[in-house]
Amino acid sequence: MDRLVQRAVLFDHYGDLLNEKQRRIAEYTISDDMSLSEIGEAEGITRQAASDLLKRADDKLLEYEEKLGVIRKTESIRSSLETIRNLTSDPAVISELSKIESELDL
């Protein structure tokens, strides 16, 4: 998975668990597509400090996924539901699968 996409997915799931500065730095790169130099300027820090903060935020996001596994579990559920969908043509089952996906926000 592309690093920026992976960062965005992890941030969507775990961004609220980051401290304020890490969250802001991650948002700059994900939402605003800012370079490290631009982030440093916006935050009044060096490019290297921005890089260090982003690295720590990335490490934290990966740590949360390793410990909690929300993304991994979500993908497993999504895959299982798709397998069931492919094995049946029963409209009632397909309808129930859609309801489950909707409830789980898949």
PDB file of N, CA and C in Angstrom:
ATOM      1  N   MET A   1       0.852  -1.175   0.000  1.00  0.00           N
ATOM      2  CA  MET A   1       0.000   0.000   0.000  1.00  0.00           C
ATOM      3  C   MET A   1       0.901   1.242   0.000  1.00  0.00           C
ATOM      4  N   ASP A   2       0.545   2.210  -0.785  1.00  0.00           N
ATOM      5  CA  ASP A   2       1.275   3.463  -0.847  1.00  0.00           C
ATOM      6  C   ASP A   2       1.368   4.082   0.554  1.00  0.00           C
ATOM      7  N   ARG A   3       2.510   4.640   0.891  1.00  0.00           N
ATOM      8  CA  ARG A   3       2.760   5.181   2.230  1.00  0.00           C
ATOM      9  C   ARG A   3       1.746   6.265   2.615  1.00  0.00           C
ATOM     10  N   LEU A   4       1.416   7.141   1.693  1.00  0.00           N
ATOM     11  CA  LEU A   4       0.459   8.204   1.994  1.00  0.00           C
ATOM     12  C   LEU A   4      -0.938   7.630   2.243  1.00  0.00           C
ATOM     13  N   VAL A   5      -1.321   6.631   1.450  1.00  0.00           N
ATOM     14  CA  VAL A   5      -2.627   5.998   1.638  1.00  0.00           C
ATOM     15  C   VAL A   5      -2.657   5.271   2.981  1.00  0.00           C
ATOM     16  N   GLN A   6      -1.576   4.539   3.281  1.00  0.00           N
ATOM     17  CA  GLN A   6      -1.509   3.832   4.559  1.00  0.00           C
ATOM     18  C   GLN A   6      -1.598   4.817   5.721  1.00  0.00           C
ATOM     19  N   ARG A   7      -0.869   5.930   5.618  1.00  0.00           N
ATOM     20  CA  ARG A   7      -0.903   6.946   6.673  1.00  0.00           C
ATOM     21  C   ARG A   7      -2.329   7.480   6.840  1.00  0.00           C
ATOM     22  N   ALA A   8      -3.017   7.725   5.732  1.00  0.00           N
ATOM     23  CA  ALA A   8      -4.378   8.267   5.791  1.00  0.00           C
ATOM     24  C   ALA A   8      -5.344   7.275   6.437  1.00  0.00           C
ATOM     25  N   VAL A   9      -5.228   6.006   6.064  1.00  0.00           N
ATOM     26  CA  VAL A   9      -6.111   4.976   6.640  1.00  0.00           C
ATOM     27  C   VAL A   9      -5.860   4.849   8.143  1.00  0.00           C
ATOM     28  N   LEU A  10      -4.593   4.780   8.517  1.00  0.00           N
ATOM     29  CA  LEU A  10      -4.259   4.691   9.945  1.00  0.00           C
ATOM     30  C   LEU A  10      -4.749   5.930  10.692  1.00  0.00           C
ATOM     31  N   PHE A  11      -4.569   7.095  10.084  1.00  0.00           N
ATOM     32  CA  PHE A  11      -4.990   8.338  10.721  1.00  0.00           C
ATOM     33  C   PHE A  11      -6.507   8.385  10.891  1.00  0.00           C
ATOM     34  N   ASP A  12      -7.234   7.908   9.882  1.00  0.00           N
ATOM     35  CA  ASP A  12      -8.702   7.877   9.990  1.00  0.00           C
ATOM     36  C   ASP A  12      -9.154   7.051  11.194  1.00  0.00           C
ATOM     37  N   HIS A  13      -8.459   5.958  11.449  1.00  0.00           N
ATOM     38  CA  HIS A  13      -8.846   5.070  12.541  1.00  0.00           C
ATOM     39  C   HIS A  13      -8.301   5.502  13.897  1.00  0.00           C
ATOM     40  N   TYR A  14      -7.080   5.987  13.923  1.00  0.00           N
ATOM     41  CA  TYR A  14      -6.411   6.216  15.199  1.00  0.00           C
ATOM     42  C   TYR A  14      -5.929   7.652  15.432  1.00  0.00           C
ATOM     43  N   GLY A  15      -6.196   8.552  14.511  1.00  0.00           N
ATOM     44  CA  GLY A  15      -5.687   9.914  14.626  1.00  0.00           C
ATOM     45  C   GLY A  15      -6.054  10.616  15.922  1.00  0.00           C
ATOM     46  N   ASP A  16      -7.237  10.344  16.442  1.00  0.00           N
ATOM     47  CA  ASP A  16      -7.664  10.995  17.682  1.00  0.00           C
ATOM     48  C   ASP A  16      -6.844  10.548  18.890  1.00  0.00           C
ATOM     49  N   LEU A  17      -6.071   9.473  18.746  1.00  0.00           N
ATOM     50  CA  LEU A  17      -5.244   8.992  19.843  1.00  0.00           C
ATOM     51  C   LEU A  17      -3.869   9.670  19.885  1.00  0.00           C
ATOM     52  N   LEU A  18      -3.530  10.397  18.842  1.00  0.00           N
ATOM     53  CA  LEU A  18      -2.263  11.122  18.806  1.00  0.00           C
ATOM     54  C   LEU A  18      -2.347  12.373  19.673  1.00  0.00           C
ATOM     55  N   ASN A  19      -1.181  12.845  20.132  1.00  0.00           N
ATOM     56  CA  ASN A  19      -1.218  14.130  20.850  1.00  0.00           C
ATOM     57  C   ASN A  19      -1.499  15.236  19.836  1.00  0.00           C
ATOM     58  N   GLU A  20      -1.829  16.401  20.331  1.00  0.00           N
ATOM     59  CA  GLU A  20      -2.288  17.494  19.457  1.00  0.00           C
ATOM     60  C   GLU A  20      -1.262  17.858  18.379  1.00  0.00           C
ATOM     61  N   LYS A  21      -0.005  17.958  18.752  1.00  0.00           N
ATOM     62  CA  LYS A  21       1.023  18.363  17.785  1.00  0.00           C
ATOM     63  C   LYS A  21       1.210  17.279  16.718  1.00  0.00           C
ATOM     64  N   GLN A  22       1.260  16.009  17.126  1.00  0.00           N
ATOM     65  CA  GLN A  22       1.394  14.915  16.163  1.00  0.00           C
ATOM     66  C   GLN A  22       0.194  14.884  15.217  1.00  0.00           C
ATOM     67  N   ARG A  23      -0.992  15.084  15.767  1.00  0.00           N
ATOM     68  CA  ARG A  23      -2.207  15.072  14.953  1.00  0.00           C
ATOM     69  C   ARG A  23      -2.164  16.210  13.922  1.00  0.00           C
ATOM     70  N   ARG A  24      -1.742  17.384  14.351  1.00  0.00           N
ATOM     71  CA  ARG A  24      -1.678  18.529  13.456  1.00  0.00           C
ATOM     72  C   ARG A  24      -0.655  18.283  12.335  1.00  0.00           C
ATOM     73  N   ILE A  25       0.510  17.749  12.681  1.00  0.00           N
ATOM     74  CA  ILE A  25       1.542  17.468  11.682  1.00  0.00           C
ATOM     75  C   ILE A  25       1.031  16.428  10.682  1.00  0.00           C
ATOM     76  N   ALA A  26       0.380  15.380  11.179  1.00  0.00           N
ATOM     77  CA  ALA A  26      -0.167  14.351  10.293  1.00  0.00           C
ATOM     78  C   ALA A  26      -1.242  14.940   9.383  1.00  0.00           C
ATOM     79  N   GLU A  27      -2.087  15.813   9.920  1.00  0.00           N
ATOM     80  CA  GLU A  27      -3.125  16.454   9.103  1.00  0.00           C
ATOM     81  C   GLU A  27      -2.513  17.313   8.003  1.00  0.00           C
ATOM     82  N   TYR A  28      -1.431  18.003   8.331  1.00  0.00           N
ATOM     83  CA  TYR A  28      -0.753  18.806   7.306  1.00  0.00           C
ATOM     84  C   TYR A  28      -0.338  17.934   6.121  1.00  0.00           C
ATOM     85  N   THR A  29       0.191  16.757   6.404  1.00  0.00           N
ATOM     86  CA  THR A  29       0.674  15.910   5.305  1.00  0.00           C
ATOM     87  C   THR A  29      -0.464  15.196   4.598  1.00  0.00           C
ATOM     88  N   ILE A  30      -1.475  14.790   5.335  1.00  0.00           N
ATOM     89  CA  ILE A  30      -2.569  14.005   4.750  1.00  0.00           C
ATOM     90  C   ILE A  30      -3.598  14.899   4.073  1.00  0.00           C
ATOM     91  N   SER A  31      -4.112  15.857   4.806  1.00  0.00           N
ATOM     92  CA  SER A  31      -5.206  16.686   4.294  1.00  0.00           C
ATOM     93  C   SER A  31      -4.720  17.850   3.437  1.00  0.00           C
ATOM     94  N   ASP A  32      -3.621  18.459   3.867  1.00  0.00           N
ATOM     95  CA  ASP A  32      -3.168  19.678   3.201  1.00  0.00           C
ATOM     96  C   ASP A  32      -2.037  19.432   2.210  1.00  0.00           C
ATOM     97  N   ASP A  33      -1.514  18.209   2.179  1.00  0.00           N
ATOM     98  CA  ASP A  33      -0.445  17.825   1.254  1.00  0.00           C
ATOM     99  C   ASP A  33       0.747  18.779   1.342  1.00  0.00           C
ATOM    100  N   MET A  34       1.101  19.134   2.575  1.00  0.00           N
ATOM    101  CA  MET A  34       2.202  20.064   2.787  1.00  0.00           C
ATOM    102  C   MET A  34       3.531  19.316   2.866  1.00  0.00           C
ATOM    103  N   SER A  35       4.581  19.949   2.402  1.00  0.00           N
ATOM    104  CA  SER A  35       5.934  19.385   2.500  1.00  0.00           C
ATOM    105  C   SER A  35       6.444  19.593   3.922  1.00  0.00           C
ATOM    106  N   LEU A  36       7.520  18.904   4.261  1.00  0.00           N
ATOM    107  CA  LEU A  36       8.105  19.070   5.585  1.00  0.00           C
ATOM    108  C   LEU A  36       8.578  20.508   5.805  1.00  0.00           C
ATOM    109  N   SER A  37       9.099  21.127   4.770  1.00  0.00           N
ATOM    110  CA  SER A  37       9.526  22.532   4.880  1.00  0.00           C
ATOM    111  C   SER A  37       8.337  23.442   5.168  1.00  0.00           C
ATOM    112  N   GLU A  38       7.227  23.203   4.476  1.00  0.00           N
ATOM    113  CA  GLU A  38       6.013  24.008   4.694  1.00  0.00           C
ATOM    114  C   GLU A  38       5.470  23.791   6.105  1.00  0.00           C
ATOM    115  N   ILE A  39       5.519  22.548   6.557  1.00  0.00           N
ATOM    116  CA  ILE A  39       5.044  22.239   7.915  1.00  0.00           C
ATOM    117  C   ILE A  39       5.921  22.952   8.938  1.00  0.00           C
ATOM    118  N   GLY A  40       7.241  22.864   8.737  1.00  0.00           N
ATOM    119  CA  GLY A  40       8.162  23.536   9.636  1.00  0.00           C
ATOM    120  C   GLY A  40       7.887  25.020   9.713  1.00  0.00           C
ATOM    121  N   GLU A  41       7.655  25.633   8.567  1.00  0.00           N
ATOM    122  CA  GLU A  41       7.360  27.063   8.527  1.00  0.00           C
ATOM    123  C   GLU A  41       6.051  27.371   9.250  1.00  0.00           C
ATOM    124  N   ALA A  42       5.030  26.569   9.008  1.00  0.00           N
ATOM    125  CA  ALA A  42       3.728  26.794   9.640  1.00  0.00           C
ATOM    126  C   ALA A  42       3.790  26.621  11.156  1.00  0.00           C
ATOM    127  N   GLU A  43       4.644  25.705  11.619  1.00  0.00           N
ATOM    128  CA  GLU A  43       4.736  25.411  13.046  1.00  0.00           C
ATOM    129  C   GLU A  43       5.862  26.172  13.747  1.00  0.00           C
ATOM    130  N   GLY A  44       6.685  26.864  12.962  1.00  0.00           N
ATOM    131  CA  GLY A  44       7.805  27.580  13.561  1.00  0.00           C
ATOM    132  C   GLY A  44       8.902  26.645  14.049  1.00  0.00           C
ATOM    133  N   ILE A  45       9.086  25.536  13.333  1.00  0.00           N
ATOM    134  CA  ILE A  45      10.108  24.550  13.688  1.00  0.00           C
ATOM    135  C   ILE A  45      10.935  24.247  12.441  1.00  0.00           C
ATOM    136  N   THR A  46      12.005  23.529  12.632  1.00  0.00           N
ATOM    137  CA  THR A  46      12.842  23.176  11.487  1.00  0.00           C
ATOM    138  C   THR A  46      12.195  22.061  10.685  1.00  0.00           C
ATOM    139  N   ARG A  47      12.671  21.897   9.468  1.00  0.00           N
ATOM    140  CA  ARG A  47      12.214  20.800   8.619  1.00  0.00           C
ATOM    141  C   ARG A  47      12.502  19.466   9.307  1.00  0.00           C
ATOM    142  N   GLN A  48      13.672  19.362   9.937  1.00  0.00           N
ATOM    143  CA  GLN A  48      14.048  18.124  10.633  1.00  0.00           C
ATOM    144  C   GLN A  48      13.108  17.835  11.801  1.00  0.00           C
ATOM    145  N   ALA A  49      12.735  18.865  12.537  1.00  0.00           N
ATOM    146  CA  ALA A  49      11.797  18.680  13.652  1.00  0.00           C
ATOM    147  C   ALA A  49      10.433  18.222  13.135  1.00  0.00           C
ATOM    148  N   ALA A  50      10.004  18.784  12.014  1.00  0.00           N
ATOM    149  CA  ALA A  50       8.738  18.355  11.409  1.00  0.00           C
ATOM    150  C   ALA A  50       8.830  16.895  10.985  1.00  0.00           C
ATOM    151  N   SER A  51       9.965  16.523  10.404  1.00  0.00           N
ATOM    152  CA  SER A  51      10.178  15.142   9.991  1.00  0.00           C
ATOM    153  C   SER A  51      10.144  14.197  11.195  1.00  0.00           C
ATOM    154  N   ASP A  52      10.798  14.593  12.275  1.00  0.00           N
ATOM    155  CA  ASP A  52      10.814  13.776  13.495  1.00  0.00           C
ATOM    156  C   ASP A  52       9.411  13.611  14.070  1.00  0.00           C
ATOM    157  N   LEU A  53       8.650  14.698  14.102  1.00  0.00           N
ATOM    158  CA  LEU A  53       7.277  14.622  14.617  1.00  0.00           C
ATOM    159  C   LEU A  53       6.407  13.711  13.755  1.00  0.00           C
ATOM    160  N   LEU A  54       6.556  13.827  12.446  1.00  0.00           N
ATOM    161  CA  LEU A  54       5.779  12.985  11.542  1.00  0.00           C
ATOM    162  C   LEU A  54       6.160  11.516  11.717  1.00  0.00           C
ATOM    163  N   LYS A  55       7.443  11.251  11.872  1.00  0.00           N
ATOM    164  CA  LYS A  55       7.917   9.877  12.082  1.00  0.00           C
ATOM    165  C   LYS A  55       7.335   9.306  13.367  1.00  0.00           C
ATOM    166  N   ARG A  56       7.349  10.101  14.433  1.00  0.00           N
ATOM    167  CA  ARG A  56       6.770   9.632  15.699  1.00  0.00           C
ATOM    168  C   ARG A  56       5.264   9.392  15.571  1.00  0.00           C
ATOM    169  N   ALA A  57       4.577  10.257  14.842  1.00  0.00           N
ATOM    170  CA  ALA A  57       3.137  10.068  14.626  1.00  0.00           C
ATOM    171  C   ALA A  57       2.889   8.781  13.836  1.00  0.00           C
ATOM    172  N   ASP A  58       3.666   8.580  12.773  1.00  0.00           N
ATOM    173  CA  ASP A  58       3.534   7.350  11.979  1.00  0.00           C
ATOM    174  C   ASP A  58       3.782   6.114  12.837  1.00  0.00           C
ATOM    175  N   ASP A  59       4.836   6.172  13.652  1.00  0.00           N
ATOM    176  CA  ASP A  59       5.161   5.036  14.517  1.00  0.00           C
ATOM    177  C   ASP A  59       4.025   4.753  15.491  1.00  0.00           C
ATOM    178  N   LYS A  60       3.437   5.798  16.049  1.00  0.00           N
ATOM    179  CA  LYS A  60       2.322   5.627  16.984  1.00  0.00           C
ATOM    180  C   LYS A  60       1.108   5.011  16.283  1.00  0.00           C
ATOM    181  N   LEU A  61       0.798   5.505  15.105  1.00  0.00           N
ATOM    182  CA  LEU A  61      -0.346   4.970  14.360  1.00  0.00           C
ATOM    183  C   LEU A  61      -0.147   3.486  14.056  1.00  0.00           C
ATOM    184  N   LEU A  62       1.053   3.119  13.641  1.00  0.00           N
ATOM    185  CA  LEU A  62       1.353   1.706  13.372  1.00  0.00           C
ATOM    186  C   LEU A  62       1.275   0.878  14.653  1.00  0.00           C
ATOM    187  N   GLU A  63       1.756   1.433  15.741  1.00  0.00           N
ATOM    188  CA  GLU A  63       1.698   0.738  17.030  1.00  0.00           C
ATOM    189  C   GLU A  63       0.244   0.475  17.446  1.00  0.00           C
ATOM    190  N   TYR A  64      -0.612   1.476  17.265  1.00  0.00           N
ATOM    191  CA  TYR A  64      -2.023   1.298  17.611  1.00  0.00           C
ATOM    192  C   TYR A  64      -2.648   0.173  16.786  1.00  0.00           C
ATOM    193  N   GLU A  65      -2.337   0.131  15.494  1.00  0.00           N
ATOM    194  CA  GLU A  65      -2.896  -0.935  14.657  1.00  0.00           C
ATOM    195  C   GLU A  65      -2.352  -2.290  15.068  1.00  0.00           C
ATOM    196  N   GLU A  66      -1.059  -2.357  15.389  1.00  0.00           N
ATOM    197  CA  GLU A  66      -0.479  -3.625  15.830  1.00  0.00           C
ATOM    198  C   GLU A  66      -1.137  -4.122  17.105  1.00  0.00           C
ATOM    199  N   LYS A  67      -1.410  -3.212  18.034  1.00  0.00           N
ATOM    200  CA  LYS A  67      -2.005  -3.595  19.310  1.00  0.00           C
ATOM    201  C   LYS A  67      -3.509  -3.838  19.220  1.00  0.00           C
ATOM    202  N   LEU A  68      -4.204  -2.973  18.500  1.00  0.00           N
ATOM    203  CA  LEU A  68      -5.668  -3.045  18.461  1.00  0.00           C
ATOM    204  C   LEU A  68      -6.208  -3.818  17.260  1.00  0.00           C
ATOM    205  N   GLY A  69      -5.550  -3.716  16.127  1.00  0.00           N
ATOM    206  CA  GLY A  69      -5.933  -4.471  14.936  1.00  0.00           C
ATOM    207  C   GLY A  69      -7.275  -4.127  14.332  1.00  0.00           C
ATOM    208  N   VAL A  70      -7.744  -2.913  14.536  1.00  0.00           N
ATOM    209  CA  VAL A  70      -9.068  -2.531  14.023  1.00  0.00           C
ATOM    210  C   VAL A  70      -9.130  -2.636  12.498  1.00  0.00           C
ATOM    211  N   ILE A  71      -8.120  -2.145  11.831  1.00  0.00           N
ATOM    212  CA  ILE A  71      -8.120  -2.175  10.364  1.00  0.00           C
ATOM    213  C   ILE A  71      -8.046  -3.619   9.872  1.00  0.00           C
ATOM    214  N   ARG A  72      -7.162  -4.396  10.464  1.00  0.00           N
ATOM    215  CA  ARG A  72      -7.026  -5.811  10.088  1.00  0.00           C
ATOM    216  C   ARG A  72      -8.351  -6.565  10.304  1.00  0.00           C
ATOM    217  N   LYS A  73      -8.988  -6.333  11.423  1.00  0.00           N
ATOM    218  CA  LYS A  73     -10.256  -7.008  11.724  1.00  0.00           C
ATOM    219  C   LYS A  73     -11.362  -6.554  10.773  1.00  0.00           C
ATOM    220  N   THR A  74     -11.378  -5.272  10.461  1.00  0.00           N
ATOM    221  CA  THR A  74     -12.373  -4.745   9.531  1.00  0.00           C
ATOM    222  C   THR A  74     -12.211  -5.381   8.155  1.00  0.00           C
ATOM    223  N   GLU A  75     -10.977  -5.479   7.696  1.00  0.00           N
ATOM    224  CA  GLU A  75     -10.713  -6.101   6.392  1.00  0.00           C
ATOM    225  C   GLU A  75     -11.102  -7.575   6.404  1.00  0.00           C
ATOM    226  N   SER A  76     -10.877  -8.262   7.498  1.00  0.00           N
ATOM    227  CA  SER A  76     -11.248  -9.669   7.616  1.00  0.00           C
ATOM    228  C   SER A  76     -12.767  -9.838   7.544  1.00  0.00           C
ATOM    229  N   ILE A  77     -13.481  -8.983   8.244  1.00  0.00           N
ATOM    230  CA  ILE A  77     -14.953  -9.027   8.213  1.00  0.00           C
ATOM    231  C   ILE A  77     -15.449  -8.727   6.806  1.00  0.00           C
ATOM    232  N   ARG A  78     -14.886  -7.693   6.192  1.00  0.00           N
ATOM    233  CA  ARG A  78     -15.287  -7.316   4.831  1.00  0.00           C
ATOM    234  C   ARG A  78     -15.060  -8.497   3.869  1.00  0.00           C
ATOM    235  N   SER A  79     -13.931  -9.146   3.988  1.00  0.00           N
ATOM    236  CA  SER A  79     -13.611 -10.286   3.128  1.00  0.00           C
ATOM    237  C   SER A  79     -14.574 -11.449   3.360  1.00  0.00           C
ATOM    238  N   SER A  80     -14.884 -11.721   4.608  1.00  0.00           N
ATOM    239  CA  SER A  80     -15.818 -12.803   4.933  1.00  0.00           C
ATOM    240  C   SER A  80     -17.215 -12.521   4.381  1.00  0.00           C
ATOM    241  N   LEU A  81     -17.657 -11.288   4.516  1.00  0.00           N
ATOM    242  CA  LEU A  81     -18.973 -10.919   3.983  1.00  0.00           C
ATOM    243  C   LEU A  81     -18.997 -11.049   2.461  1.00  0.00           C
ATOM    244  N   GLU A  82     -17.913 -10.667   1.816  1.00  0.00           N
ATOM    245  CA  GLU A  82     -17.826 -10.784   0.354  1.00  0.00           C
ATOM    246  C   GLU A  82     -17.829 -12.252  -0.069  1.00  0.00           C
ATOM    247  N   THR A  83     -17.158 -13.105   0.680  1.00  0.00           N
ATOM    248  CA  THR A  83     -17.149 -14.538   0.385  1.00  0.00           C
ATOM    249  C   THR A  83     -18.561 -15.108   0.481  1.00  0.00           C
ATOM    250  N   ILE A  84     -19.266 -14.740   1.533  1.00  0.00           N
ATOM    251  CA  ILE A  84     -20.646 -15.202   1.701  1.00  0.00           C
ATOM    252  C   ILE A  84     -21.507 -14.712   0.545  1.00  0.00           C
ATOM    253  N   ARG A  85     -21.338 -13.438   0.200  1.00  0.00           N
ATOM    254  CA  ARG A  85     -22.112 -12.857  -0.905  1.00  0.00           C
ATOM    255  C   ARG A  85     -21.860 -13.633  -2.199  1.00  0.00           C
ATOM    256  N   ASN A  86     -20.623 -14.028  -2.443  1.00  0.00           N
ATOM    257  CA  ASN A  86     -20.283 -14.761  -3.666  1.00  0.00           C
ATOM    258  C   ASN A  86     -20.781 -16.200  -3.663  1.00  0.00           C
ATOM    259  N   LEU A  87     -21.096 -16.725  -2.498  1.00  0.00           N
ATOM    260  CA  LEU A  87     -21.559 -18.109  -2.395  1.00  0.00           C
ATOM    261  C   LEU A  87     -23.070 -18.258  -2.425  1.00  0.00           C
ATOM    262  N   THR A  88     -23.768 -17.146  -2.425  1.00  0.00           N
ATOM    263  CA  THR A  88     -25.226 -17.241  -2.379  1.00  0.00           C
ATOM    264  C   THR A  88     -25.876 -16.368  -3.449  1.00  0.00           C
ATOM    265  N   SER A  89     -27.067 -16.785  -3.807  1.00  0.00           N
ATOM    266  CA  SER A  89     -27.885 -15.953  -4.693  1.00  0.00           C
ATOM    267  C   SER A  89     -29.216 -15.640  -4.004  1.00  0.00           C
ATOM    268  N   ASP A  90     -29.324 -16.045  -2.744  1.00  0.00           N
ATOM    269  CA  ASP A  90     -30.538 -15.821  -1.969  1.00  0.00           C
ATOM    270  C   ASP A  90     -30.677 -14.326  -1.644  1.00  0.00           C
ATOM    271  N   PRO A  91     -31.740 -13.697  -2.174  1.00  0.00           N
ATOM    272  CA  PRO A  91     -31.929 -12.259  -1.949  1.00  0.00           C
ATOM    273  C   PRO A  91     -32.020 -11.883  -0.466  1.00  0.00           C
ATOM    274  N   ALA A  92     -32.580 -12.760   0.356  1.00  0.00           N
ATOM    275  CA  ALA A  92     -32.705 -12.473   1.785  1.00  0.00           C
ATOM    276  C   ALA A  92     -31.327 -12.413   2.446  1.00  0.00           C
ATOM    277  N   VAL A  93     -30.459 -13.339   2.062  1.00  0.00           N
ATOM    278  CA  VAL A  93     -29.102 -13.359   2.616  1.00  0.00           C
ATOM    279  C   VAL A  93     -28.329 -12.129   2.143  1.00  0.00           C
ATOM    280  N   ILE A  94     -28.447 -11.815   0.872  1.00  0.00           N
ATOM    281  CA  ILE A  94     -27.762 -10.648   0.317  1.00  0.00           C
ATOM    282  C   ILE A  94     -28.243  -9.367   1.002  1.00  0.00           C
ATOM    283  N   SER A  95     -29.533  -9.291   1.263  1.00  0.00           N
ATOM    284  CA  SER A  95     -30.095  -8.139   1.961  1.00  0.00           C
ATOM    285  C   SER A  95     -29.526  -8.031   3.381  1.00  0.00           C
ATOM    286  N   GLU A  96     -29.436  -9.147   4.060  1.00  0.00           N
ATOM    287  CA  GLU A  96     -28.875  -9.156   5.415  1.00  0.00           C
ATOM    288  C   GLU A  96     -27.403  -8.753   5.414  1.00  0.00           C
ATOM    289  N   LEU A  97     -26.669  -9.221   4.415  1.00  0.00           N
ATOM    290  CA  LEU A  97     -25.260  -8.847   4.295  1.00  0.00           C
ATOM    291  C   LEU A  97     -25.120  -7.340   4.119  1.00  0.00           C
ATOM    292  N   SER A  98     -25.979  -6.777   3.313  1.00  0.00           N
ATOM    293  CA  SER A  98     -25.958  -5.319   3.098  1.00  0.00           C
ATOM    294  C   SER A  98     -26.253  -4.577   4.390  1.00  0.00           C
ATOM    295  N   LYS A  99     -27.213  -5.091   5.181  1.00  0.00           N
ATOM    296  CA  LYS A  99     -27.531  -4.469   6.454  1.00  0.00           C
ATOM    297  C   LYS A  99     -26.336  -4.529   7.404  1.00  0.00           C
ATOM    298  N   ILE A 100     -25.667  -5.665   7.435  1.00  0.00           N
ATOM    299  CA  ILE A 100     -24.493  -5.834   8.303  1.00  0.00           C
ATOM    300  C   ILE A 100     -23.394  -4.855   7.889  1.00  0.00           C
ATOM    301  N   GLU A 101     -23.145  -4.774   6.581  1.00  0.00           N
ATOM    302  CA  GLU A 101     -22.119  -3.847   6.096  1.00  0.00           C
ATOM    303  C   GLU A 101     -22.467  -2.410   6.465  1.00  0.00           C
ATOM    304  N   SER A 102     -23.732  -2.068   6.331  1.00  0.00           N
ATOM    305  CA  SER A 102     -24.170  -0.714   6.670  1.00  0.00           C
ATOM    306  C   SER A 102     -23.993  -0.427   8.161  1.00  0.00           C
ATOM    307  N   GLU A 103     -24.382  -1.378   8.991  1.00  0.00           N
ATOM    308  CA  GLU A 103     -24.267  -1.206  10.432  1.00  0.00           C
ATOM    309  C   GLU A 103     -22.813  -1.104  10.881  1.00  0.00           C
ATOM    310  N   LEU A 104     -21.945  -1.860  10.221  1.00  0.00           N
ATOM    311  CA  LEU A 104     -20.518  -1.848  10.565  1.00  0.00           C
ATOM    312  C   LEU A 104     -19.771  -0.738   9.837  1.00  0.00           C
ATOM    313  N   ASP A 105     -20.466   0.002   9.008  1.00  0.00           N
ATOM    314  CA  ASP A 105     -19.876   1.090   8.225  1.00  0.00           C
ATOM    315  C   ASP A 105     -18.712   0.592   7.368  1.00  0.00           C
ATOM    316  N   LEU A 106     -18.963  -0.537   6.690  1.00  0.00           N
ATOM    317  CA  LEU A 106     -17.958  -1.114   5.802  1.00  0.00           C
ATOM    318  C   LEU A 106     -18.211  -0.575   4.438  1.00  0.00           C
TER     319      LEU A 106
END
